[in-house]
Amino acid sequence: MNYQQTTLLLQQIESEMKALQWWSQQAPSKEALASTAPFACDVMTLAQWLQFIFLPKMQALIQERLPLPRNCHIQPMAELAWAPLTATQQPLLDALKNLDTLLSNAVPAGRH
């Protein structure tokens, strides 16, 4: 697992979300955070899911040096959720695509 590269992409995603002013100061409710729907789509926006669920979970996995998810496909969901797309969203979409590619092509720990 390339934790360093993943960390850089997570930081880029956060930075791009802030540039778009999609970074919220208020967390969703405990009930919303407990959603079991894919991307918590039943109770929050994709940007909220990224900020309050995905990024913290990924950072925790990296900090604990635990295996990262594989076959990640966030960018296609983002294209659907944020349609119609604008040029200002492209850097965030690119960062998500790069993360998807990195995680989907990662060699599982112990299989070098």
PDB file of N, CA and C in Angstrom:
ATOM      1  N   MET A   1       0.839  -1.185   0.000  1.00  0.00           N
ATOM      2  CA  MET A   1       0.000   0.000   0.000  1.00  0.00           C
ATOM      3  C   MET A   1       0.879   1.241   0.000  1.00  0.00           C
ATOM      4  N   ASN A   2       0.518   2.175  -0.803  1.00  0.00           N
ATOM      5  CA  ASN A   2       1.254   3.424  -0.831  1.00  0.00           C
ATOM      6  C   ASN A   2       0.492   4.461  -0.006  1.00  0.00           C
ATOM      7  N   TYR A   3       0.760   4.455   1.289  1.00  0.00           N
ATOM      8  CA  TYR A   3       0.059   5.361   2.188  1.00  0.00           C
ATOM      9  C   TYR A   3       0.400   6.825   1.902  1.00  0.00           C
ATOM     10  N   GLN A   4       1.655   7.087   1.532  1.00  0.00           N
ATOM     11  CA  GLN A   4       2.075   8.467   1.289  1.00  0.00           C
ATOM     12  C   GLN A   4       1.331   9.063   0.091  1.00  0.00           C
ATOM     13  N   GLN A   5       1.272   8.320  -0.996  1.00  0.00           N
ATOM     14  CA  GLN A   5       0.564   8.798  -2.190  1.00  0.00           C
ATOM     15  C   GLN A   5      -0.927   8.976  -1.909  1.00  0.00           C
ATOM     16  N   THR A   6      -1.495   8.046  -1.168  1.00  0.00           N
ATOM     17  CA  THR A   6      -2.913   8.135  -0.818  1.00  0.00           C
ATOM     18  C   THR A   6      -3.170   9.361   0.045  1.00  0.00           C
ATOM     19  N   THR A   7      -2.296   9.603   1.014  1.00  0.00           N
ATOM     20  CA  THR A   7      -2.434  10.776   1.878  1.00  0.00           C
ATOM     21  C   THR A   7      -2.406  12.063   1.064  1.00  0.00           C
ATOM     22  N   LEU A   8      -1.495  12.144   0.106  1.00  0.00           N
ATOM     23  CA  LEU A   8      -1.407  13.340  -0.738  1.00  0.00           C
ATOM     24  C   LEU A   8      -2.693  13.556  -1.533  1.00  0.00           C
ATOM     25  N   LEU A   9      -3.260  12.479  -2.054  1.00  0.00           N
ATOM     26  CA  LEU A   9      -4.514  12.604  -2.809  1.00  0.00           C
ATOM     27  C   LEU A   9      -5.677  13.000  -1.900  1.00  0.00           C
ATOM     28  N   LEU A  10      -5.717  12.464  -0.694  1.00  0.00           N
ATOM     29  CA  LEU A  10      -6.767  12.853   0.250  1.00  0.00           C
ATOM     30  C   LEU A  10      -6.657  14.338   0.591  1.00  0.00           C
ATOM     31  N   GLN A  11      -5.432  14.815   0.765  1.00  0.00           N
ATOM     32  CA  GLN A  11      -5.218  16.238   1.035  1.00  0.00           C
ATOM     33  C   GLN A  11      -5.647  17.088  -0.157  1.00  0.00           C
ATOM     34  N   GLN A  12      -5.372  16.596  -1.355  1.00  0.00           N
ATOM     35  CA  GLN A  12      -5.776  17.326  -2.562  1.00  0.00           C
ATOM     36  C   GLN A  12      -7.298  17.390  -2.668  1.00  0.00           C
ATOM     37  N   ILE A  13      -7.963  16.291  -2.362  1.00  0.00           N
ATOM     38  CA  ILE A  13      -9.428  16.268  -2.394  1.00  0.00           C
ATOM     39  C   ILE A  13      -9.985  17.291  -1.407  1.00  0.00           C
ATOM     40  N   GLU A  14      -9.444  17.313  -0.196  1.00  0.00           N
ATOM     41  CA  GLU A  14      -9.890  18.294   0.800  1.00  0.00           C
ATOM     42  C   GLU A  14      -9.653  19.722   0.306  1.00  0.00           C
ATOM     43  N   SER A  15      -8.490  19.959  -0.236  1.00  0.00           N
ATOM     44  CA  SER A  15      -8.149  21.294  -0.736  1.00  0.00           C
ATOM     45  C   SER A  15      -9.092  21.737  -1.857  1.00  0.00           C
ATOM     46  N   GLU A  16      -9.383  20.827  -2.779  1.00  0.00           N
ATOM     47  CA  GLU A  16     -10.279  21.158  -3.892  1.00  0.00           C
ATOM     48  C   GLU A  16     -11.704  21.403  -3.403  1.00  0.00           C
ATOM     49  N   MET A  17     -12.138  20.634  -2.416  1.00  0.00           N
ATOM     50  CA  MET A  17     -13.476  20.854  -1.864  1.00  0.00           C
ATOM     51  C   MET A  17     -13.562  22.225  -1.197  1.00  0.00           C
ATOM     52  N   LYS A  18     -12.503  22.603  -0.503  1.00  0.00           N
ATOM     53  CA  LYS A  18     -12.479  23.928   0.127  1.00  0.00           C
ATOM     54  C   LYS A  18     -12.473  25.026  -0.931  1.00  0.00           C
ATOM     55  N   ALA A  19     -11.734  24.822  -2.015  1.00  0.00           N
ATOM     56  CA  ALA A  19     -11.690  25.813  -3.097  1.00  0.00           C
ATOM     57  C   ALA A  19     -13.074  26.008  -3.722  1.00  0.00           C
ATOM     58  N   LEU A  20     -13.853  24.936  -3.769  1.00  0.00           N
ATOM     59  CA  LEU A  20     -15.218  25.009  -4.307  1.00  0.00           C
ATOM     60  C   LEU A  20     -16.229  25.513  -3.270  1.00  0.00           C
ATOM     61  N   GLN A  21     -15.746  25.735  -2.062  1.00  0.00           N
ATOM     62  CA  GLN A  21     -16.584  26.123  -0.922  1.00  0.00           C
ATOM     63  C   GLN A  21     -17.607  25.042  -0.592  1.00  0.00           C
ATOM     64  N   TRP A  22     -17.176  23.794  -0.733  1.00  0.00           N
ATOM     65  CA  TRP A  22     -18.011  22.644  -0.397  1.00  0.00           C
ATOM     66  C   TRP A  22     -17.631  22.058   0.952  1.00  0.00           C
ATOM     67  N   TRP A  23     -16.717  22.683   1.666  1.00  0.00           N
ATOM     68  CA  TRP A  23     -16.254  22.189   2.963  1.00  0.00           C
ATOM     69  C   TRP A  23     -17.155  22.779   4.031  1.00  0.00           C
ATOM     70  N   SER A  24     -17.837  21.936   4.766  1.00  0.00           N
ATOM     71  CA  SER A  24     -18.822  22.386   5.741  1.00  0.00           C
ATOM     72  C   SER A  24     -18.213  22.498   7.137  1.00  0.00           C
ATOM     73  N   GLN A  25     -18.669  23.486   7.877  1.00  0.00           N
ATOM     74  CA  GLN A  25     -18.243  23.644   9.269  1.00  0.00           C
ATOM     75  C   GLN A  25     -19.149  22.846  10.209  1.00  0.00           C
ATOM     76  N   GLN A  26     -20.285  22.400   9.701  1.00  0.00           N
ATOM     77  CA  GLN A  26     -21.252  21.685  10.528  1.00  0.00           C
ATOM     78  C   GLN A  26     -21.367  20.234  10.080  1.00  0.00           C
ATOM     79  N   ALA A  27     -21.127  19.335  11.014  1.00  0.00           N
ATOM     80  CA  ALA A  27     -21.222  17.907  10.712  1.00  0.00           C
ATOM     81  C   ALA A  27     -22.688  17.483  10.616  1.00  0.00           C
ATOM     82  N   PRO A  28     -22.960  16.481   9.795  1.00  0.00           N
ATOM     83  CA  PRO A  28     -24.317  15.920   9.750  1.00  0.00           C
ATOM     84  C   PRO A  28     -24.670  15.291  11.103  1.00  0.00           C
ATOM     85  N   SER A  29     -25.932  15.009  11.297  1.00  0.00           N
ATOM     86  CA  SER A  29     -26.393  14.386  12.542  1.00  0.00           C
ATOM     87  C   SER A  29     -25.778  12.996  12.713  1.00  0.00           C
ATOM     88  N   LYS A  30     -25.831  12.495  13.940  1.00  0.00           N
ATOM     89  CA  LYS A  30     -25.337  11.136  14.210  1.00  0.00           C
ATOM     90  C   LYS A  30     -26.104  10.110  13.384  1.00  0.00           C
ATOM     91  N   GLU A  31     -27.386  10.359  13.199  1.00  0.00           N
ATOM     92  CA  GLU A  31     -28.208   9.451  12.400  1.00  0.00           C
ATOM     93  C   GLU A  31     -27.730   9.430  10.952  1.00  0.00           C
ATOM     94  N   ALA A  32     -27.436  10.599  10.414  1.00  0.00           N
ATOM     95  CA  ALA A  32     -26.950  10.675   9.032  1.00  0.00           C
ATOM     96  C   ALA A  32     -25.604   9.972   8.899  1.00  0.00           C
ATOM     97  N   LEU A  33     -24.729  10.175   9.874  1.00  0.00           N
ATOM     98  CA  LEU A  33     -23.409   9.544   9.830  1.00  0.00           C
ATOM     99  C   LEU A  33     -23.495   8.023   9.943  1.00  0.00           C
ATOM    100  N   ALA A  34     -24.596   7.524  10.476  1.00  0.00           N
ATOM    101  CA  ALA A  34     -24.781   6.079  10.632  1.00  0.00           C
ATOM    102  C   ALA A  34     -25.447   5.433   9.417  1.00  0.00           C
ATOM    103  N   SER A  35     -25.714   6.194   8.381  1.00  0.00           N
ATOM    104  CA  SER A  35     -26.379   5.666   7.190  1.00  0.00           C
ATOM    105  C   SER A  35     -25.604   4.485   6.610  1.00  0.00           C
ATOM    106  N   THR A  36     -26.345   3.490   6.168  1.00  0.00           N
ATOM    107  CA  THR A  36     -25.720   2.329   5.531  1.00  0.00           C
ATOM    108  C   THR A  36     -25.913   2.337   4.015  1.00  0.00           C
ATOM    109  N   ALA A  37     -26.584   3.353   3.504  1.00  0.00           N
ATOM    110  CA  ALA A  37     -26.772   3.471   2.052  1.00  0.00           C
ATOM    111  C   ALA A  37     -25.434   3.795   1.387  1.00  0.00           C
ATOM    112  N   PRO A  38     -25.219   3.316   0.164  1.00  0.00           N
ATOM    113  CA  PRO A  38     -23.979   3.667  -0.539  1.00  0.00           C
ATOM    114  C   PRO A  38     -23.810   5.185  -0.600  1.00  0.00           C
ATOM    115  N   PHE A  39     -22.632   5.648  -0.241  1.00  0.00           N
ATOM    116  CA  PHE A  39     -22.310   7.080  -0.222  1.00  0.00           C
ATOM    117  C   PHE A  39     -23.252   7.866   0.694  1.00  0.00           C
ATOM    118  N   ALA A  40     -23.962   7.183   1.586  1.00  0.00           N
ATOM    119  CA  ALA A  40     -24.947   7.818   2.477  1.00  0.00           C
ATOM    120  C   ALA A  40     -25.896   8.705   1.682  1.00  0.00           C
ATOM    121  N   CYS A  41     -26.196   8.262   0.460  1.00  0.00           N
ATOM    122  CA  CYS A  41     -26.973   9.085  -0.477  1.00  0.00           C
ATOM    123  C   CYS A  41     -28.392   9.353  -0.009  1.00  0.00           C
ATOM    124  N   ASP A  42     -28.847   8.608   0.977  1.00  0.00           N
ATOM    125  CA  ASP A  42     -30.206   8.823   1.471  1.00  0.00           C
ATOM    126  C   ASP A  42     -30.311  10.008   2.430  1.00  0.00           C
ATOM    127  N   VAL A  43     -29.168  10.470   2.969  1.00  0.00           N
ATOM    128  CA  VAL A  43     -29.238  11.513   3.994  1.00  0.00           C
ATOM    129  C   VAL A  43     -28.236  12.656   3.837  1.00  0.00           C
ATOM    130  N   MET A  44     -27.301  12.539   2.906  1.00  0.00           N
ATOM    131  CA  MET A  44     -26.334  13.627   2.738  1.00  0.00           C
ATOM    132  C   MET A  44     -25.852  13.712   1.301  1.00  0.00           C
ATOM    133  N   THR A  45     -25.241  14.843   0.992  1.00  0.00           N
ATOM    134  CA  THR A  45     -24.687  15.031  -0.342  1.00  0.00           C
ATOM    135  C   THR A  45     -23.385  14.246  -0.465  1.00  0.00           C
ATOM    136  N   LEU A  46     -22.919  14.070  -1.675  1.00  0.00           N
ATOM    137  CA  LEU A  46     -21.649  13.378  -1.878  1.00  0.00           C
ATOM    138  C   LEU A  46     -20.508  14.155  -1.229  1.00  0.00           C
ATOM    139  N   ALA A  47     -20.545  15.472  -1.309  1.00  0.00           N
ATOM    140  CA  ALA A  47     -19.498  16.280  -0.671  1.00  0.00           C
ATOM    141  C   ALA A  47     -19.487  16.056   0.841  1.00  0.00           C
ATOM    142  N   GLN A  48     -20.662  15.974   1.455  1.00  0.00           N
ATOM    143  CA  GLN A  48     -20.723  15.691   2.892  1.00  0.00           C
ATOM    144  C   GLN A  48     -20.175  14.305   3.194  1.00  0.00           C
ATOM    145  N   TRP A  49     -20.535  13.323   2.376  1.00  0.00           N
ATOM    146  CA  TRP A  49     -20.030  11.965   2.575  1.00  0.00           C
ATOM    147  C   TRP A  49     -18.508  11.947   2.491  1.00  0.00           C
ATOM    148  N   LEU A  50     -17.958  12.631   1.488  1.00  0.00           N
ATOM    149  CA  LEU A  50     -16.502  12.687   1.355  1.00  0.00           C
ATOM    150  C   LEU A  50     -15.873  13.294   2.608  1.00  0.00           C
ATOM    151  N   GLN A  51     -16.402  14.418   3.047  1.00  0.00           N
ATOM    152  CA  GLN A  51     -15.809  15.143   4.167  1.00  0.00           C
ATOM    153  C   GLN A  51     -15.975  14.423   5.497  1.00  0.00           C
ATOM    154  N   PHE A  52     -17.149  13.911   5.766  1.00  0.00           N
ATOM    155  CA  PHE A  52     -17.441  13.420   7.105  1.00  0.00           C
ATOM    156  C   PHE A  52     -17.360  11.905   7.269  1.00  0.00           C
ATOM    157  N   ILE A  53     -17.336  11.170   6.177  1.00  0.00           N
ATOM    158  CA  ILE A  53     -17.246   9.710   6.280  1.00  0.00           C
ATOM    159  C   ILE A  53     -15.991   9.191   5.583  1.00  0.00           C
ATOM    160  N   PHE A  54     -15.868   9.444   4.291  1.00  0.00           N
ATOM    161  CA  PHE A  54     -14.781   8.839   3.521  1.00  0.00           C
ATOM    162  C   PHE A  54     -13.397   9.327   3.951  1.00  0.00           C
ATOM    163  N   LEU A  55     -13.181  10.635   3.952  1.00  0.00           N
ATOM    164  CA  LEU A  55     -11.847  11.144   4.291  1.00  0.00           C
ATOM    165  C   LEU A  55     -11.414  10.737   5.701  1.00  0.00           C
ATOM    166  N   PRO A  56     -12.261  10.885   6.734  1.00  0.00           N
ATOM    167  CA  PRO A  56     -11.828  10.453   8.068  1.00  0.00           C
ATOM    168  C   PRO A  56     -11.532   8.951   8.163  1.00  0.00           C
ATOM    169  N   LYS A  57     -12.345   8.128   7.494  1.00  0.00           N
ATOM    170  CA  LYS A  57     -12.090   6.678   7.533  1.00  0.00           C
ATOM    171  C   LYS A  57     -10.783   6.331   6.836  1.00  0.00           C
ATOM    172  N   MET A  58     -10.536   6.967   5.706  1.00  0.00           N
ATOM    173  CA  MET A  58      -9.283   6.712   4.988  1.00  0.00           C
ATOM    174  C   MET A  58      -8.084   7.165   5.819  1.00  0.00           C
ATOM    175  N   GLN A  59      -8.186   8.324   6.443  1.00  0.00           N
ATOM    176  CA  GLN A  59      -7.090   8.820   7.272  1.00  0.00           C
ATOM    177  C   GLN A  59      -6.840   7.897   8.456  1.00  0.00           C
ATOM    178  N   ALA A  60      -7.895   7.344   9.039  1.00  0.00           N
ATOM    179  CA  ALA A  60      -7.737   6.406  10.152  1.00  0.00           C
ATOM    180  C   ALA A  60      -7.052   5.123   9.686  1.00  0.00           C
ATOM    181  N   LEU A  61      -7.437   4.608   8.527  1.00  0.00           N
ATOM    182  CA  LEU A  61      -6.790   3.405   7.993  1.00  0.00           C
ATOM    183  C   LEU A  61      -5.306   3.647   7.759  1.00  0.00           C
ATOM    184  N   ILE A  62      -4.971   4.805   7.213  1.00  0.00           N
ATOM    185  CA  ILE A  62      -3.571   5.133   6.944  1.00  0.00           C
ATOM    186  C   ILE A  62      -2.801   5.265   8.248  1.00  0.00           C
ATOM    187  N   GLN A  63      -3.375   5.962   9.202  1.00  0.00           N
ATOM    188  CA  GLN A  63      -2.704   6.168  10.486  1.00  0.00           C
ATOM    189  C   GLN A  63      -2.412   4.838  11.178  1.00  0.00           C
ATOM    190  N   GLU A  64      -3.335   3.900  11.078  1.00  0.00           N
ATOM    191  CA  GLU A  64      -3.172   2.585  11.710  1.00  0.00           C
ATOM    192  C   GLU A  64      -2.439   1.591  10.812  1.00  0.00           C
ATOM    193  N   ARG A  65      -2.079   2.026   9.591  1.00  0.00           N
ATOM    194  CA  ARG A  65      -1.403   1.165   8.610  1.00  0.00           C
ATOM    195  C   ARG A  65      -2.220  -0.095   8.311  1.00  0.00           C
ATOM    196  N   LEU A  66      -3.524   0.095   8.206  1.00  0.00           N
ATOM    197  CA  LEU A  66      -4.434  -0.998   7.874  1.00  0.00           C
ATOM    198  C   LEU A  66      -4.635  -1.036   6.364  1.00  0.00           C
ATOM    199  N   PRO A  67      -5.117  -2.160   5.835  1.00  0.00           N
ATOM    200  CA  PRO A  67      -5.348  -2.250   4.390  1.00  0.00           C
ATOM    201  C   PRO A  67      -6.369  -1.208   3.929  1.00  0.00           C
ATOM    202  N   LEU A  68      -6.078  -0.617   2.792  1.00  0.00           N
ATOM    203  CA  LEU A  68      -6.981   0.371   2.203  1.00  0.00           C
ATOM    204  C   LEU A  68      -7.973  -0.330   1.278  1.00  0.00           C
ATOM    205  N   PRO A  69      -9.133   0.278   1.051  1.00  0.00           N
ATOM    206  CA  PRO A  69     -10.113  -0.347   0.155  1.00  0.00           C
ATOM    207  C   PRO A  69      -9.558  -0.491  -1.255  1.00  0.00           C
ATOM    208  N   ARG A  70     -10.062  -1.481  -1.954  1.00  0.00           N
ATOM    209  CA  ARG A  70      -9.671  -1.707  -3.346  1.00  0.00           C
ATOM    210  C   ARG A  70     -10.909  -1.571  -4.213  1.00  0.00           C
ATOM    211  N   ASN A  71     -10.681  -1.453  -5.508  1.00  0.00           N
ATOM    212  CA  ASN A  71     -11.788  -1.291  -6.460  1.00  0.00           C
ATOM    213  C   ASN A  71     -12.679  -0.113  -6.082  1.00  0.00           C
ATOM    214  N   CYS A  72     -12.044   1.007  -5.886  1.00  0.00           N
ATOM    215  CA  CYS A  72     -12.720   2.241  -5.502  1.00  0.00           C
ATOM    216  C   CYS A  72     -13.254   2.932  -6.761  1.00  0.00           C
ATOM    217  N   HIS A  73     -14.492   3.401  -6.708  1.00  0.00           N
ATOM    218  CA  HIS A  73     -15.114   4.038  -7.878  1.00  0.00           C
ATOM    219  C   HIS A  73     -15.917   5.268  -7.451  1.00  0.00           C
ATOM    220  N   ILE A  74     -15.238   6.236  -6.879  1.00  0.00           N
ATOM    221  CA  ILE A  74     -15.912   7.441  -6.404  1.00  0.00           C
ATOM    222  C   ILE A  74     -16.129   8.442  -7.536  1.00  0.00           C
ATOM    223  N   GLN A  75     -15.170   8.561  -8.433  1.00  0.00           N
ATOM    224  CA  GLN A  75     -15.251   9.567  -9.491  1.00  0.00           C
ATOM    225  C   GLN A  75     -16.502   9.417 -10.363  1.00  0.00           C
ATOM    226  N   PRO A  76     -16.891   8.211 -10.793  1.00  0.00           N
ATOM    227  CA  PRO A  76     -18.126   8.099 -11.582  1.00  0.00           C
ATOM    228  C   PRO A  76     -19.364   8.571 -10.805  1.00  0.00           C
ATOM    229  N   MET A  77     -19.406   8.280  -9.513  1.00  0.00           N
ATOM    230  CA  MET A  77     -20.523   8.752  -8.687  1.00  0.00           C
ATOM    231  C   MET A  77     -20.518  10.277  -8.618  1.00  0.00           C
ATOM    232  N   ALA A  78     -19.326  10.853  -8.510  1.00  0.00           N
ATOM    233  CA  ALA A  78     -19.213  12.316  -8.450  1.00  0.00           C
ATOM    234  C   ALA A  78     -19.723  12.953  -9.742  1.00  0.00           C
ATOM    235  N   GLU A  79     -19.393  12.351 -10.864  1.00  0.00           N
ATOM    236  CA  GLU A  79     -19.872  12.891 -12.145  1.00  0.00           C
ATOM    237  C   GLU A  79     -21.396  12.912 -12.200  1.00  0.00           C
ATOM    238  N   LEU A  80     -22.019  11.875 -11.669  1.00  0.00           N
ATOM    239  CA  LEU A  80     -23.486  11.823 -11.639  1.00  0.00           C
ATOM    240  C   LEU A  80     -24.054  12.812 -10.632  1.00  0.00           C
ATOM    241  N   ALA A  81     -23.470  12.838  -9.446  1.00  0.00           N
ATOM    242  CA  ALA A  81     -23.997  13.679  -8.368  1.00  0.00           C
ATOM    243  C   ALA A  81     -23.857  15.163  -8.666  1.00  0.00           C
ATOM    244  N   TRP A  82     -22.792  15.531  -9.377  1.00  0.00           N
ATOM    245  CA  TRP A  82     -22.508  16.944  -9.592  1.00  0.00           C
ATOM    246  C   TRP A  82     -22.839  17.417 -11.002  1.00  0.00           C
ATOM    247  N   ALA A  83     -23.569  16.624 -11.768  1.00  0.00           N
ATOM    248  CA  ALA A  83     -23.945  17.035 -13.125  1.00  0.00           C
ATOM    249  C   ALA A  83     -24.950  18.176 -13.046  1.00  0.00           C
ATOM    250  N   PRO A  84     -24.920  19.105 -13.971  1.00  0.00           N
ATOM    251  CA  PRO A  84     -23.918  19.253 -15.022  1.00  0.00           C
ATOM    252  C   PRO A  84     -22.602  19.769 -14.440  1.00  0.00           C
ATOM    253  N   LEU A  85     -21.524  19.221 -14.943  1.00  0.00           N
ATOM    254  CA  LEU A  85     -20.198  19.549 -14.427  1.00  0.00           C
ATOM    255  C   LEU A  85     -19.718  20.894 -14.948  1.00  0.00           C
ATOM    256  N   THR A  86     -18.891  21.536 -14.146  1.00  0.00           N
ATOM    257  CA  THR A  86     -18.280  22.799 -14.551  1.00  0.00           C
ATOM    258  C   THR A  86     -16.764  22.639 -14.534  1.00  0.00           C
ATOM    259  N   ALA A  87     -16.081  23.544 -15.195  1.00  0.00           N
ATOM    260  CA  ALA A  87     -14.615  23.495 -15.247  1.00  0.00           C
ATOM    261  C   ALA A  87     -14.003  23.624 -13.857  1.00  0.00           C
ATOM    262  N   THR A  88     -14.665  24.336 -12.968  1.00  0.00           N
ATOM    263  CA  THR A  88     -14.112  24.500 -11.617  1.00  0.00           C
ATOM    264  C   THR A  88     -14.147  23.202 -10.817  1.00  0.00           C
ATOM    265  N   GLN A  89     -14.990  22.266 -11.206  1.00  0.00           N
ATOM    266  CA  GLN A  89     -15.068  20.974 -10.520  1.00  0.00           C
ATOM    267  C   GLN A  89     -14.032  19.978 -11.031  1.00  0.00           C
ATOM    268  N   GLN A  90     -13.443  20.247 -12.180  1.00  0.00           N
ATOM    269  CA  GLN A  90     -12.546  19.276 -12.812  1.00  0.00           C
ATOM    270  C   GLN A  90     -11.352  18.885 -11.941  1.00  0.00           C
ATOM    271  N   PRO A  91     -10.678  19.819 -11.252  1.00  0.00           N
ATOM    272  CA  PRO A  91      -9.557  19.387 -10.406  1.00  0.00           C
ATOM    273  C   PRO A  91      -9.978  18.393  -9.316  1.00  0.00           C
ATOM    274  N   LEU A  92     -11.159  18.577  -8.752  1.00  0.00           N
ATOM    275  CA  LEU A  92     -11.652  17.634  -7.746  1.00  0.00           C
ATOM    276  C   LEU A  92     -11.956  16.288  -8.391  1.00  0.00           C
ATOM    277  N   LEU A  93     -12.600  16.295  -9.547  1.00  0.00           N
ATOM    278  CA  LEU A  93     -12.877  15.039 -10.256  1.00  0.00           C
ATOM    279  C   LEU A  93     -11.581  14.318 -10.615  1.00  0.00           C
ATOM    280  N   ASP A  94     -10.570  15.077 -11.034  1.00  0.00           N
ATOM    281  CA  ASP A  94      -9.275  14.473 -11.369  1.00  0.00           C
ATOM    282  C   ASP A  94      -8.639  13.831 -10.139  1.00  0.00           C
ATOM    283  N   ALA A  95      -8.715  14.507  -8.996  1.00  0.00           N
ATOM    284  CA  ALA A  95      -8.150  13.954  -7.761  1.00  0.00           C
ATOM    285  C   ALA A  95      -8.882  12.671  -7.366  1.00  0.00           C
ATOM    286  N   LEU A  96     -10.206  12.669  -7.505  1.00  0.00           N
ATOM    287  CA  LEU A  96     -10.979  11.460  -7.193  1.00  0.00           C
ATOM    288  C   LEU A  96     -10.623  10.324  -8.152  1.00  0.00           C
ATOM    289  N   LYS A  97     -10.468  10.648  -9.432  1.00  0.00           N
ATOM    290  CA  LYS A  97     -10.087   9.625 -10.410  1.00  0.00           C
ATOM    291  C   LYS A  97      -8.709   9.062 -10.085  1.00  0.00           C
ATOM    292  N   ASN A  98      -7.767   9.930  -9.723  1.00  0.00           N
ATOM    293  CA  ASN A  98      -6.423   9.468  -9.367  1.00  0.00           C
ATOM    294  C   ASN A  98      -6.456   8.574  -8.138  1.00  0.00           C
ATOM    295  N   LEU A  99      -7.305   8.909  -7.166  1.00  0.00           N
ATOM    296  CA  LEU A  99      -7.434   8.067  -5.979  1.00  0.00           C
ATOM    297  C   LEU A  99      -8.060   6.727  -6.350  1.00  0.00           C
ATOM    298  N   ASP A 100      -9.112   6.753  -7.156  1.00  0.00           N
ATOM    299  CA  ASP A 100      -9.735   5.506  -7.624  1.00  0.00           C
ATOM    300  C   ASP A 100      -8.697   4.611  -8.293  1.00  0.00           C
ATOM    301  N   THR A 101      -7.898   5.190  -9.169  1.00  0.00           N
ATOM    302  CA  THR A 101      -6.887   4.427  -9.905  1.00  0.00           C
ATOM    303  C   THR A 101      -5.841   3.861  -8.960  1.00  0.00           C
ATOM    304  N   LEU A 102      -5.357   4.685  -8.045  1.00  0.00           N
ATOM    305  CA  LEU A 102      -4.338   4.236  -7.095  1.00  0.00           C
ATOM    306  C   LEU A 102      -4.852   3.074  -6.253  1.00  0.00           C
ATOM    307  N   LEU A 103      -6.040   3.212  -5.700  1.00  0.00           N
ATOM    308  CA  LEU A 103      -6.580   2.165  -4.831  1.00  0.00           C
ATOM    309  C   LEU A 103      -6.950   0.911  -5.617  1.00  0.00           C
ATOM    310  N   SER A 104      -7.467   1.079  -6.808  1.00  0.00           N
ATOM    311  CA  SER A 104      -7.883  -0.078  -7.603  1.00  0.00           C
ATOM    312  C   SER A 104      -6.702  -0.870  -8.148  1.00  0.00           C
ATOM    313  N   ASN A 105      -5.556  -0.215  -8.293  1.00  0.00           N
ATOM    314  CA  ASN A 105      -4.366  -0.890  -8.817  1.00  0.00           C
ATOM    315  C   ASN A 105      -3.364  -1.258  -7.738  1.00  0.00           C
ATOM    316  N   ALA A 106      -3.709  -1.012  -6.486  1.00  0.00           N
ATOM    317  CA  ALA A 106      -2.774  -1.263  -5.390  1.00  0.00           C
ATOM    318  C   ALA A 106      -2.561  -2.757  -5.190  1.00  0.00           C
ATOM    319  N   VAL A 107      -1.340  -3.089  -4.833  1.00  0.00           N
ATOM    320  CA  VAL A 107      -1.002  -4.471  -4.490  1.00  0.00           C
ATOM    321  C   VAL A 107      -1.321  -4.655  -3.014  1.00  0.00           C
ATOM    322  N   PRO A 108      -2.119  -5.661  -2.661  1.00  0.00           N
ATOM    323  CA  PRO A 108      -2.435  -5.876  -1.248  1.00  0.00           C
ATOM    324  C   PRO A 108      -1.167  -6.078  -0.431  1.00  0.00           C
ATOM    325  N   ALA A 109      -1.199  -5.627   0.806  1.00  0.00           N
ATOM    326  CA  ALA A 109      -0.047  -5.781   1.694  1.00  0.00           C
ATOM    327  C   ALA A 109       0.334  -7.254   1.786  1.00  0.00           C
ATOM    328  N   GLY A 110       1.626  -7.518   1.710  1.00  0.00           N
ATOM    329  CA  GLY A 110       2.116  -8.890   1.803  1.00  0.00           C
ATOM    330  C   GLY A 110       2.185  -9.609   0.474  1.00  0.00           C
ATOM    331  N   ARG A 111       1.800  -8.963  -0.622  1.00  0.00           N
ATOM    332  CA  ARG A 111       1.821  -9.604  -1.944  1.00  0.00           C
ATOM    333  C   ARG A 111       2.755  -8.874  -2.892  1.00  0.00           C
ATOM    334  N   HIS A 112       3.939  -8.580  -2.464  1.00  0.00           N
ATOM    335  CA  HIS A 112       4.884  -7.832  -3.304  1.00  0.00           C
ATOM    336  C   HIS A 112       5.665  -8.747  -4.192  1.00  0.00           C
TER     337      HIS A 112
END
